[in-house]
Every structure is written in C-alpha cells, then in structure tokens.
C-alpha atoms as a PDB file:
ATOM      1  CA  MET A   1      -9.789  -1.857 -13.456  1.00  0.00           C
ATOM      2  CA  VAL A   2     -13.263  -1.288 -14.856  1.00  0.00           C
ATOM      3  CA  THR A   3     -13.941   2.101 -16.434  1.00  0.00           C
ATOM      4  CA  ILE A   4     -17.428   3.331 -17.300  1.00  0.00           C
ATOM      5  CA  ALA A   5     -18.182   6.648 -18.998  1.00  0.00           C
ATOM      6  CA  GLN A   6     -21.549   8.160 -18.109  1.00  0.00           C
ATOM      7  CA  LEU A   7     -23.130  10.617 -20.519  1.00  0.00           C
ATOM      8  CA  SER A   8     -26.429  12.280 -19.735  1.00  0.00           C
ATOM      9  CA  ASP A   9     -28.924  14.767 -21.123  1.00  0.00           C
ATOM     10  CA  PRO A  10     -27.405  15.542 -24.539  1.00  0.00           C
ATOM     11  CA  HIS A  11     -30.806  16.801 -25.802  1.00  0.00           C
ATOM     12  CA  VAL A  12     -30.123  16.254 -29.485  1.00  0.00           C
ATOM     13  CA  GLY A  13     -32.496  18.501 -31.448  1.00  0.00           C
ATOM     14  CA  SER A  14     -32.655  21.240 -28.833  1.00  0.00           C
ATOM     15  CA  PRO A  15     -31.576  24.784 -29.796  1.00  0.00           C
ATOM     16  CA  HIS A  16     -29.192  24.501 -26.830  1.00  0.00           C
ATOM     17  CA  PHE A  17     -27.516  21.355 -28.220  1.00  0.00           C
ATOM     18  CA  VAL A  18     -23.887  21.928 -29.316  1.00  0.00           C
ATOM     19  CA  PRO A  19     -22.750  19.434 -31.995  1.00  0.00           C
ATOM     20  CA  ASN A  20     -19.102  20.401 -31.507  1.00  0.00           C
ATOM     21  CA  LEU A  21     -19.268  19.235 -27.893  1.00  0.00           C
ATOM     22  CA  MET A  22     -20.708  15.898 -28.931  1.00  0.00           C
ATOM     23  CA  ASN A  23     -18.062  15.408 -31.584  1.00  0.00           C
ATOM     24  CA  ARG A  24     -15.364  16.197 -29.050  1.00  0.00           C
ATOM     25  CA  ILE A  25     -16.807  13.713 -26.545  1.00  0.00           C
ATOM     26  CA  LEU A  26     -16.741  11.017 -29.210  1.00  0.00           C
ATOM     27  CA  VAL A  27     -13.024  11.704 -29.737  1.00  0.00           C
ATOM     28  CA  GLU A  28     -12.362  11.647 -25.984  1.00  0.00           C
ATOM     29  CA  LEU A  29     -14.248   8.376 -25.543  1.00  0.00           C
ATOM     30  CA  ASP A  30     -12.222   6.848 -28.341  1.00  0.00           C
ATOM     31  CA  GLU A  31      -9.034   7.890 -26.550  1.00  0.00           C
ATOM     32  CA  LEU A  32     -10.251   6.802 -23.117  1.00  0.00           C
ATOM     33  CA  ASN A  33     -11.527   3.453 -24.408  1.00  0.00           C
ATOM     34  CA  PRO A  34     -13.730   2.654 -21.387  1.00  0.00           C
ATOM     35  CA  ASP A  35     -15.176  -0.791 -20.812  1.00  0.00           C
ATOM     36  CA  ALA A  36     -18.670   0.599 -21.404  1.00  0.00           C
ATOM     37  CA  VAL A  37     -20.534   3.842 -22.047  1.00  0.00           C
ATOM     38  CA  LEU A  38     -23.834   4.586 -20.303  1.00  0.00           C
ATOM     39  CA  CYS A  39     -26.288   7.328 -21.205  1.00  0.00           C
ATOM     40  CA  THR A  40     -28.796   8.138 -18.483  1.00  0.00           C
ATOM     41  CA  GLY A  41     -31.513   9.632 -20.625  1.00  0.00           C
ATOM     42  CA  ASP A  42     -32.736  12.682 -22.514  1.00  0.00           C
ATOM     43  CA  LEU A  43     -30.978  11.721 -25.700  1.00  0.00           C
ATOM     44  CA  THR A  44     -33.516  13.873 -27.549  1.00  0.00           C
ATOM     45  CA  ASN A  45     -35.390  17.056 -26.768  1.00  0.00           C
ATOM     46  CA  GLU A  46     -38.945  16.301 -27.873  1.00  0.00           C
ATOM     47  CA  GLY A  47     -38.888  12.589 -28.670  1.00  0.00           C
ATOM     48  CA  PHE A  48     -39.407  13.119 -32.406  1.00  0.00           C
ATOM     49  CA  ALA A  49     -38.227  10.547 -34.945  1.00  0.00           C
ATOM     50  CA  GLY A  50     -35.810  12.978 -36.593  1.00  0.00           C
ATOM     51  CA  GLU A  51     -34.163  13.749 -33.259  1.00  0.00           C
ATOM     52  CA  TYR A  52     -33.778  10.051 -32.508  1.00  0.00           C
ATOM     53  CA  LYS A  53     -32.197   9.422 -35.915  1.00  0.00           C
ATOM     54  CA  ALA A  54     -29.759  12.274 -35.332  1.00  0.00           C
ATOM     55  CA  ALA A  55     -28.906  10.821 -31.911  1.00  0.00           C
ATOM     56  CA  VAL A  56     -28.256   7.431 -33.488  1.00  0.00           C
ATOM     57  CA  GLY A  57     -25.905   9.128 -35.926  1.00  0.00           C
ATOM     58  CA  TYR A  58     -23.764  10.283 -33.011  1.00  0.00           C
ATOM     59  CA  PHE A  59     -23.972   7.313 -30.662  1.00  0.00           C
ATOM     60  CA  SER A  60     -23.391   4.727 -33.387  1.00  0.00           C
ATOM     61  CA  GLN A  61     -19.809   6.052 -33.561  1.00  0.00           C
ATOM     62  CA  ILE A  62     -19.066   4.807 -30.047  1.00  0.00           C
ATOM     63  CA  ARG A  63     -16.923   1.666 -30.327  1.00  0.00           C
ATOM     64  CA  GLN A  64     -17.455   0.469 -26.779  1.00  0.00           C
ATOM     65  CA  PRO A  65     -20.575  -1.336 -25.500  1.00  0.00           C
ATOM     66  CA  PHE A  66     -23.276   1.336 -25.254  1.00  0.00           C
ATOM     67  CA  HIS A  67     -26.127   1.067 -22.762  1.00  0.00           C
ATOM     68  CA  VAL A  68     -28.894   3.644 -22.587  1.00  0.00           C
ATOM     69  CA  ILE A  69     -32.157   4.392 -20.790  1.00  0.00           C
ATOM     70  CA  PRO A  70     -34.744   7.000 -21.799  1.00  0.00           C
ATOM     71  CA  GLY A  71     -35.422  10.271 -20.010  1.00  0.00           C
ATOM     72  CA  ASN A  72     -38.580  12.334 -19.707  1.00  0.00           C
ATOM     73  CA  HIS A  73     -37.810  14.247 -22.937  1.00  0.00           C
ATOM     74  CA  ASP A  74     -37.398  10.959 -24.821  1.00  0.00           C
ATOM     75  CA  SER A  75     -40.907   9.875 -23.839  1.00  0.00           C
ATOM     76  CA  ARG A  76     -42.589  13.000 -25.163  1.00  0.00           C
ATOM     77  CA  ASN A  77     -44.765  12.681 -28.258  1.00  0.00           C
ATOM     78  CA  VAL A  78     -44.789   8.882 -28.021  1.00  0.00           C
ATOM     79  CA  GLY A  79     -41.008   8.964 -28.357  1.00  0.00           C
ATOM     80  CA  TYR A  80     -40.612   5.745 -26.377  1.00  0.00           C
ATOM     81  CA  VAL A  81     -41.686   3.914 -29.539  1.00  0.00           C
ATOM     82  CA  HIS A  82     -38.677   5.283 -31.429  1.00  0.00           C
ATOM     83  CA  PHE A  83     -36.436   4.538 -28.450  1.00  0.00           C
ATOM     84  CA  GLU A  84     -37.368   0.865 -28.470  1.00  0.00           C
ATOM     85  CA  GLU A  85     -37.003   0.631 -32.254  1.00  0.00           C
ATOM     86  CA  LEU A  86     -33.579   2.281 -32.376  1.00  0.00           C
ATOM     87  CA  PHE A  87     -31.982   1.568 -28.973  1.00  0.00           C
ATOM     88  CA  GLY A  88     -33.805  -1.476 -27.645  1.00  0.00           C
ATOM     89  CA  GLU A  89     -35.211  -2.383 -24.248  1.00  0.00           C
ATOM     90  CA  ARG A  90     -35.912   0.227 -21.576  1.00  0.00           C
ATOM     91  CA  TYR A  91     -35.133  -2.110 -18.664  1.00  0.00           C
ATOM     92  CA  TRP A  92     -31.964  -4.148 -18.736  1.00  0.00           C
ATOM     93  CA  VAL A  93     -29.235  -5.899 -16.739  1.00  0.00           C
ATOM     94  CA  ARG A  94     -25.599  -5.788 -17.805  1.00  0.00           C
ATOM     95  CA  ASP A  95     -22.430  -7.261 -16.312  1.00  0.00           C
ATOM     96  CA  ILE A  96     -19.340  -5.181 -17.020  1.00  0.00           C
ATOM     97  CA  GLY A  97     -16.590  -7.359 -15.619  1.00  0.00           C
ATOM     98  CA  PRO A  98     -17.257  -7.619 -11.850  1.00  0.00           C
ATOM     99  CA  VAL A  99     -19.760  -4.737 -12.018  1.00  0.00           C
ATOM    100  CA  ARG A 100     -23.503  -5.440 -12.214  1.00  0.00           C
ATOM    101  CA  VAL A 101     -25.537  -2.582 -13.730  1.00  0.00           C
ATOM    102  CA  LEU A 102     -29.333  -2.379 -13.817  1.00  0.00           C
ATOM    103  CA  GLY A 103     -30.868   0.265 -16.068  1.00  0.00           C
ATOM    104  CA  ALA A 104     -34.488   1.295 -15.551  1.00  0.00           C
ATOM    105  CA  ASP A 105     -36.816   3.667 -17.378  1.00  0.00           C
ATOM    106  CA  SER A 106     -38.241   6.209 -14.918  1.00  0.00           C
ATOM    107  CA  SER A 107     -40.031   8.310 -17.530  1.00  0.00           C
ATOM    108  CA  GLU A 108     -43.780   8.763 -17.923  1.00  0.00           C
ATOM    109  CA  PRO A 109     -45.206   9.849 -21.320  1.00  0.00           C
ATOM    110  CA  ASP A 110     -45.450  13.641 -21.619  1.00  0.00           C
ATOM    111  CA  GLN A 111     -44.629  14.230 -17.947  1.00  0.00           C
ATOM    112  CA  ASN A 112     -41.541  15.710 -16.357  1.00  0.00           C
ATOM    113  CA  GLU A 113     -41.930  13.695 -13.165  1.00  0.00           C
ATOM    114  CA  GLY A 114     -40.521  10.200 -12.928  1.00  0.00           C
ATOM    115  CA  ARG A 115     -41.648   6.879 -11.489  1.00  0.00           C
ATOM    116  CA  ILE A 116     -40.337   3.340 -11.147  1.00  0.00           C
ATOM    117  CA  GLY A 117     -43.397   1.692  -9.604  1.00  0.00           C
ATOM    118  CA  ARG A 118     -44.000  -1.260  -7.319  1.00  0.00           C
ATOM    119  CA  GLU A 119     -44.378  -3.564 -10.306  1.00  0.00           C
ATOM    120  CA  ARG A 120     -40.620  -3.237 -10.917  1.00  0.00           C
ATOM    121  CA  TYR A 121     -39.421  -3.759  -7.346  1.00  0.00           C
ATOM    122  CA  ASP A 122     -39.137  -7.561  -7.558  1.00  0.00           C
ATOM    123  CA  TRP A 123     -37.203  -7.226 -10.808  1.00  0.00           C
ATOM    124  CA  ILE A 124     -34.747  -4.888  -9.069  1.00  0.00           C
ATOM    125  CA  ARG A 125     -34.355  -7.253  -6.093  1.00  0.00           C
ATOM    126  CA  GLU A 126     -33.725 -10.211  -8.368  1.00  0.00           C
ATOM    127  CA  GLY A 127     -31.294  -8.255 -10.520  1.00  0.00           C
ATOM    128  CA  PHE A 128     -29.108  -7.407  -7.553  1.00  0.00           C
ATOM    129  CA  ASP A 129     -29.344 -10.856  -5.973  1.00  0.00           C
ATOM    130  CA  CYS A 130     -25.826 -11.678  -7.098  1.00  0.00           C
ATOM    131  CA  ASP A 131     -22.231 -11.646  -5.874  1.00  0.00           C
ATOM    132  CA  ALA A 132     -21.075  -8.748  -8.082  1.00  0.00           C
ATOM    133  CA  ALA A 133     -18.172  -6.755  -6.662  1.00  0.00           C
ATOM    134  CA  LEU A 134     -19.981  -3.480  -7.398  1.00  0.00           C
ATOM    135  CA  LYS A 135     -23.736  -3.014  -7.816  1.00  0.00           C
ATOM    136  CA  VAL A 136     -24.907  -0.014  -9.859  1.00  0.00           C
ATOM    137  CA  PHE A 137     -28.421   1.245 -10.579  1.00  0.00           C
ATOM    138  CA  ALA A 138     -28.870   3.613 -13.529  1.00  0.00           C
ATOM    139  CA  VAL A 139     -31.972   5.801 -13.818  1.00  0.00           C
ATOM    140  CA  HIS A 140     -32.707   9.161 -15.416  1.00  0.00           C
ATOM    141  CA  HIS A 141     -34.536  11.078 -12.697  1.00  0.00           C
ATOM    142  CA  HIS A 142     -32.731  12.162  -9.545  1.00  0.00           C
ATOM    143  CA  LEU A 143     -33.626  10.472  -6.267  1.00  0.00           C
ATOM    144  CA  ILE A 144     -32.422  13.211  -3.913  1.00  0.00           C
ATOM    145  CA  PRO A 145     -32.548  16.995  -4.428  1.00  0.00           C
ATOM    146  CA  ILE A 146     -29.431  18.410  -6.098  1.00  0.00           C
ATOM    147  CA  PRO A 147     -27.803  21.566  -4.656  1.00  0.00           C
ATOM    148  CA  GLY A 148     -27.756  24.589  -6.926  1.00  0.00           C
ATOM    149  CA  THR A 149     -30.791  23.562  -8.985  1.00  0.00           C
ATOM    150  CA  GLY A 150     -33.465  25.834  -7.517  1.00  0.00           C
ATOM    151  CA  ARG A 151     -36.928  24.768  -6.461  1.00  0.00           C
ATOM    152  CA  GLU A 152     -37.260  21.014  -6.122  1.00  0.00           C
ATOM    153  CA  ARG A 153     -39.552  19.349  -8.649  1.00  0.00           C
ATOM    154  CA  SER A 154     -39.848  16.442 -11.108  1.00  0.00           C
ATOM    155  CA  THR A 155     -38.108  13.858  -8.984  1.00  0.00           C
ATOM    156  CA  ILE A 156     -39.096  10.177  -8.878  1.00  0.00           C
ATOM    157  CA  GLN A 157     -42.537   9.952  -7.288  1.00  0.00           C
ATOM    158  CA  ASP A 158     -41.710   6.791  -5.344  1.00  0.00           C
ATOM    159  CA  ALA A 159     -38.175   7.901  -4.468  1.00  0.00           C
ATOM    160  CA  GLY A 160     -38.492   7.010  -0.780  1.00  0.00           C
ATOM    161  CA  ASP A 161     -39.558   3.422  -1.411  1.00  0.00           C
ATOM    162  CA  LEU A 162     -36.973   3.054  -4.165  1.00  0.00           C
ATOM    163  CA  LEU A 163     -34.128   4.339  -1.986  1.00  0.00           C
ATOM    164  CA  GLU A 164     -35.031   1.877   0.767  1.00  0.00           C
ATOM    165  CA  LEU A 165     -35.223  -0.935  -1.788  1.00  0.00           C
ATOM    166  CA  LEU A 166     -31.815  -0.109  -3.269  1.00  0.00           C
ATOM    167  CA  LEU A 167     -30.188   0.088   0.163  1.00  0.00           C
ATOM    168  CA  ALA A 168     -31.693  -3.257   1.159  1.00  0.00           C
ATOM    169  CA  ALA A 169     -30.512  -4.795  -2.135  1.00  0.00           C
ATOM    170  CA  GLY A 170     -26.917  -3.794  -1.383  1.00  0.00           C
ATOM    171  CA  VAL A 171     -26.597  -1.284  -4.216  1.00  0.00           C
ATOM    172  CA  ASP A 172     -23.315   0.625  -4.028  1.00  0.00           C
ATOM    173  CA  LEU A 173     -23.854   3.359  -6.609  1.00  0.00           C
ATOM    174  CA  VAL A 174     -26.821   5.046  -8.289  1.00  0.00           C
ATOM    175  CA  LEU A 175     -26.199   6.965 -11.520  1.00  0.00           C
ATOM    176  CA  THR A 176     -28.743   9.645 -12.450  1.00  0.00           C
ATOM    177  CA  GLY A 177     -29.143  12.710 -14.677  1.00  0.00           C
ATOM    178  CA  HIS A 178     -32.062  15.047 -15.408  1.00  0.00           C
ATOM    179  CA  LYS A 179     -30.964  18.163 -13.473  1.00  0.00           C
ATOM    180  CA  HIS A 180     -27.924  19.084 -15.637  1.00  0.00           C
ATOM    181  CA  VAL A 181     -25.815  19.624 -12.493  1.00  0.00           C
ATOM    182  CA  PRO A 182     -23.097  17.167 -11.405  1.00  0.00           C
ATOM    183  CA  HIS A 183     -23.168  16.213  -7.733  1.00  0.00           C
ATOM    184  CA  VAL A 184     -22.507  13.242  -5.472  1.00  0.00           C
ATOM    185  CA  TRP A 185     -24.508  12.344  -2.363  1.00  0.00           C
ATOM    186  CA  ARG A 186     -23.690   9.703   0.234  1.00  0.00           C
ATOM    187  CA  LEU A 187     -26.656   7.910   1.828  1.00  0.00           C
ATOM    188  CA  GLU A 188     -25.575   5.284   4.355  1.00  0.00           C
ATOM    189  CA  HIS A 189     -23.353   2.899   2.371  1.00  0.00           C
ATOM    190  CA  MET A 190     -24.711   4.006  -1.035  1.00  0.00           C
ATOM    191  CA  TYR A 191     -23.509   6.847  -3.249  1.00  0.00           C
ATOM    192  CA  ILE A 192     -25.824   8.714  -5.626  1.00  0.00           C
ATOM    193  CA  ALA A 193     -24.008  10.438  -8.479  1.00  0.00           C
ATOM    194  CA  ASN A 194     -25.862  12.915 -10.656  1.00  0.00           C
ATOM    195  CA  ALA A 195     -24.238  13.727 -13.997  1.00  0.00           C
ATOM    196  CA  GLY A 196     -24.320  17.101 -15.730  1.00  0.00           C
ATOM    197  CA  THR A 197     -25.515  17.614 -19.286  1.00  0.00           C
ATOM    198  CA  CYS A 198     -22.807  16.576 -21.710  1.00  0.00           C
ATOM    199  CA  THR A 199     -23.700  18.705 -24.735  1.00  0.00           C
ATOM    200  CA  SER A 200     -26.413  21.226 -23.839  1.00  0.00           C
ATOM    201  CA  LEU A 201     -26.055  24.891 -22.924  1.00  0.00           C
ATOM    202  CA  LYS A 202     -29.245  24.761 -20.872  1.00  0.00           C
ATOM    203  CA  LEU A 203     -27.236  25.270 -17.707  1.00  0.00           C
ATOM    204  CA  ARG A 204     -27.782  26.525 -14.171  1.00  0.00           C
ATOM    205  CA  GLY A 205     -25.464  29.099 -12.610  1.00  0.00           C
ATOM    206  CA  HIS A 206     -21.835  28.568 -13.555  1.00  0.00           C
ATOM    207  CA  THR A 207     -22.268  24.895 -14.439  1.00  0.00           C
ATOM    208  CA  LYS A 208     -20.507  23.752 -17.612  1.00  0.00           C
ATOM    209  CA  PRO A 209     -21.258  20.823 -19.932  1.00  0.00           C
ATOM    210  CA  CYS A 210     -19.533  17.708 -18.631  1.00  0.00           C
ATOM    211  CA  TYR A 211     -19.770  13.955 -18.292  1.00  0.00           C
ATOM    212  CA  SER A 212     -18.663  11.432 -15.680  1.00  0.00           C
ATOM    213  CA  ILE A 213     -15.999   8.743 -15.630  1.00  0.00           C
ATOM    214  CA  ILE A 214     -16.432   5.976 -13.068  1.00  0.00           C
ATOM    215  CA  GLU A 215     -13.489   3.750 -12.166  1.00  0.00           C
ATOM    216  CA  TYR A 216     -13.618   0.583 -10.071  1.00  0.00           C
ATOM    217  CA  ASP A 217     -10.199  -0.728  -9.081  1.00  0.00           C
ATOM    218  CA  GLN A 218      -9.067  -2.961  -6.218  1.00  0.00           C
ATOM    219  CA  GLY A 219     -12.241  -2.472  -4.246  1.00  0.00           C
ATOM    220  CA  GLN A 220     -12.318   1.320  -4.580  1.00  0.00           C
ATOM    221  CA  VAL A 221     -14.533   3.617  -6.653  1.00  0.00           C
ATOM    222  CA  ARG A 222     -13.538   6.947  -8.167  1.00  0.00           C
ATOM    223  CA  ILE A 223     -15.825   9.330 -10.020  1.00  0.00           C
ATOM    224  CA  HIS A 224     -14.312  12.044 -12.202  1.00  0.00           C
ATOM    225  CA  ARG A 225     -16.049  15.024 -13.781  1.00  0.00           C
ATOM    226  CA  LYS A 226     -14.744  15.485 -17.344  1.00  0.00           C
ATOM    227  CA  TYR A 227     -15.216  18.676 -19.327  1.00  0.00           C
ATOM    228  CA  PRO A 228     -15.137  18.329 -23.146  1.00  0.00           C
ATOM    229  CA  PHE A 229     -11.961  20.063 -24.394  1.00  0.00           C
ATOM    230  CA  GLY A 230     -11.017  20.512 -20.726  1.00  0.00           C
ATOM    231  CA  PRO A 231      -9.635  18.843 -17.621  1.00  0.00           C
ATOM    232  CA  SER A 232     -10.909  16.007 -15.480  1.00  0.00           C
ATOM    233  CA  THR A 233     -11.429  16.481 -11.736  1.00  0.00           C
ATOM    234  CA  LEU A 234     -12.025  13.905  -9.016  1.00  0.00           C
ATOM    235  CA  ILE A 235     -15.384  14.443  -7.302  1.00  0.00           C
ATOM    236  CA  ALA A 236     -15.694  11.257  -5.225  1.00  0.00           C
ATOM    237  CA  HIS A 237     -13.467   8.414  -4.008  1.00  0.00           C
ATOM    238  CA  TRP A 238     -14.491   5.707  -1.551  1.00  0.00           C
ATOM    239  CA  ASN A 239     -14.323   2.030  -0.608  1.00  0.00           C
ATOM    240  CA  PRO A 240     -17.780   0.405  -0.846  1.00  0.00           C
ATOM    241  CA  ARG A 241     -16.839  -2.512   1.401  1.00  0.00           C
ATOM    242  CA  THR A 242     -15.229  -0.678   4.309  1.00  0.00           C
ATOM    243  CA  GLY A 243     -17.333   2.467   3.944  1.00  0.00           C
ATOM    244  CA  GLU A 244     -14.214   4.616   4.078  1.00  0.00           C
ATOM    245  CA  GLN A 245     -14.602   7.888   2.169  1.00  0.00           C
ATOM    246  CA  TYR A 246     -11.400   9.421   0.835  1.00  0.00           C
ATOM    247  CA  HIS A 247     -12.852  12.383  -1.043  1.00  0.00           C
ATOM    248  CA  ARG A 248     -16.165  14.009  -1.955  1.00  0.00           C
ATOM    249  CA  ASP A 249     -16.710  17.403  -3.534  1.00  0.00           C
ATOM    250  CA  PHE A 250     -19.156  19.787  -1.923  1.00  0.00           C
ATOM    251  CA  GLU A 251     -21.363  22.289  -3.725  1.00  0.00           C
ATOM    252  CA  PRO A 252     -19.253  25.476  -4.111  1.00  0.00           C
ATOM    253  CA  LEU A 253     -22.311  27.667  -3.557  1.00  0.00           C
ATOM    254  CA  PHE A 254     -22.097  26.833   0.115  1.00  0.00           C
ATOM    255  CA  SER A 255     -19.375  26.971   2.742  1.00  0.00           C
ATOM    256  CA  ALA A 256     -17.293  23.973   3.685  1.00  0.00           C
ATOM    257  CA  PRO A 257     -19.029  21.435   5.932  1.00  0.00           C
ATOM    258  CA  VAL A 258     -18.428  21.342   9.654  1.00  0.00           C
ATOM    259  CA  SER A 259     -15.704  19.174  11.081  1.00  0.00           C
ATOM    260  CA  PRO A 260     -16.609  15.485  11.076  1.00  0.00           C
ATOM    261  CA  HIS A 261     -15.985  15.520  14.831  1.00  0.00           C
ATOM    262  CA  PRO A 262     -17.753  18.665  16.092  1.00  0.00           C
ATOM    263  CA  ARG A 263     -17.410  19.549  19.729  1.00  0.00           C
ATOM    264  CA  GLU A 264     -20.414  18.630  21.814  1.00  0.00           C
ATOM    265  CA  HIS A 265     -21.015  22.042  23.403  1.00  0.00           C
ATOM    266  CA  ASP A 266     -23.848  20.860  25.586  1.00  0.00           C
ATOM    267  CA  THR A 267     -21.663  18.494  27.644  1.00  0.00           C
ATOM    268  CA  GLY A 268     -20.290  21.260  29.825  1.00  0.00           C
ATOM    269  CA  ILE A 269     -16.821  19.714  29.549  1.00  0.00           C
ATOM    270  CA  PRO A 270     -14.165  22.300  28.581  1.00  0.00           C
ATOM    271  CA  GLU A 271     -11.599  21.687  25.882  1.00  0.00           C
ATOM    272  CA  PRO A 272      -8.058  20.839  27.130  1.00  0.00           C
ATOM    273  CA  GLY A 273      -6.318  24.020  28.269  1.00  0.00           C
ATOM    274  CA  GLU A 274      -9.549  26.041  28.342  1.00  0.00           C
ATOM    275  CA  PRO A 275     -10.151  27.915  31.614  1.00  0.00           C
ATOM    276  CA  VAL A 276     -13.158  26.830  33.597  1.00  0.00           C
ATOM    277  CA  ALA A 277     -15.680  29.610  34.154  1.00  0.00           C
ATOM    278  CA  ASP A 278     -16.477  30.530  37.713  1.00  0.00           C
ATOM    279  CA  VAL A 279     -20.168  29.814  37.955  1.00  0.00           C
ATOM    280  CA  HIS A 280     -22.161  31.232  40.876  1.00  0.00           C
ATOM    281  CA  THR A 281     -25.570  29.955  41.764  1.00  0.00           C
END
C-alpha cells in the first residue's frame, strides 16, 4: 500500500495560523509514517523571507519525503525567490512506488488567480506518458468550483484546457487546495480532491482545519479527511481501472443526490403495480 499525506494552505505568518495545530500534525505524521508528504501551496501568508524561514522550521521536522508546490500567497512580494532557495523547483515529477506524481506551480506573482499555461502542456503529457499504476497531478488552485465556498473566483484561468489535457493523459487523481474547504469531485474517470487548510482558522461556514490522507492499495484509492487532534473520516473510495465508485461524500449544505437510476417520467410507462390512468381524448 502507498500512503500519501496531503497538507495544504497552512499560511505560516498569518494571524489565523495556529502553531499548536501544526505541531500536532507533525506528531500525527510521525505516527502515520506515510510514504510521502505533499503540500499543495500557501505555505506562507505574504511570501516574506521570515515567513518562509518559519515554514522551513516546521516542515524540516517531517521525516518522510516532502514535496511541495507554491500557492498564490507564496508568490506575493517576490516570494517565489525564497521558495526556490528554500524548497527547490516549482515543477517536478516524483515516483512514489507505483504512483507517479506531477507537481506544478499555478501561481502568478501578486495575483490570486492561477494559471498553468500552454507552455507547460507538453511537459505534462510527457510526465504522464508512463505505465504508473496511479497518475496524480498536484496543483494549488482548484480546477472546479467547490461547494460551500461562496462566489466563484480565483480559479485556474486555463482550467478547461487543463482538465481536457489531464483526462487525455490518463490522470486518475488531481490534488488541489486554495479554497480551504475539503471536497471531492468525479469528472469522467478522474477524481479531483480539494484539501482543507491544515492549520489556519480562516474558515468558511462550519469547516474545520484538516488534511488529507490518500491510500492506494490493490488497485483501489481511498481518501480520508483527518482532523488534527480528531478523527479521520473516509470521503472517497473508488477503483480507477474499473471506474467503480464505492463511496463519495456530498456537501452537507445540500440534500442527498437523486437516485443513480431515476425514473424516466416522460416515457409514459407506469411503475410495476401502479394503476394506469384512464385517459380520454
């Protein structure tokens, strides 16, 4: 089994950042001992050098391989310079056992909106031209609107082209952050999992700080939402090869979805046992 912990949006340096939550997550990661830890951006709040150094102080305690991409807050105030100095490249390819992960920087300096750009499309195609058992794309900005986050804004500007590219490349899972609300979408054969903020109290509605745990085992993927100091709950479970979905959480703000096999009312065919109306013309 391959286990990956996904942290996102800690916002070190923000007045909403809670050091106790970060310290607790470090303890939980040590106990979990995943195969890798990913952070999908917004390590800092304003991209300042002091914030980056404080972030390094936390993340350097992680024993497992640590892979990170910047978010829009990290690219403020020329913060991408500090990112490259302290964390390395902003575009990378990693193999975690049978799992291929591509990480890409979607941030633009001093802008909340994101972008990948056509100049990166060939790199993405080539990166996923492999026989990996599970193909994962990690990016900070969300690709699809997230329920319970209010007016839609600051998504990836070329999201439509990027989604089509990822589907064509056979990507199984996209890991994102940015909105501070955990949610999982299914788009054809691909799942898009947005992580919540792990250590910030800049929250929407009743959302709580949390992080994600992704497990790949015997051809199946499970995503768990883990609350620091709290429980872990399964939010998605599926088989990427067969397309069979075993479980997916729905946004609690809305009612349960309709039956997967709704009755076609416009056929005029009554249900078994239902009396036929006497129609006069």
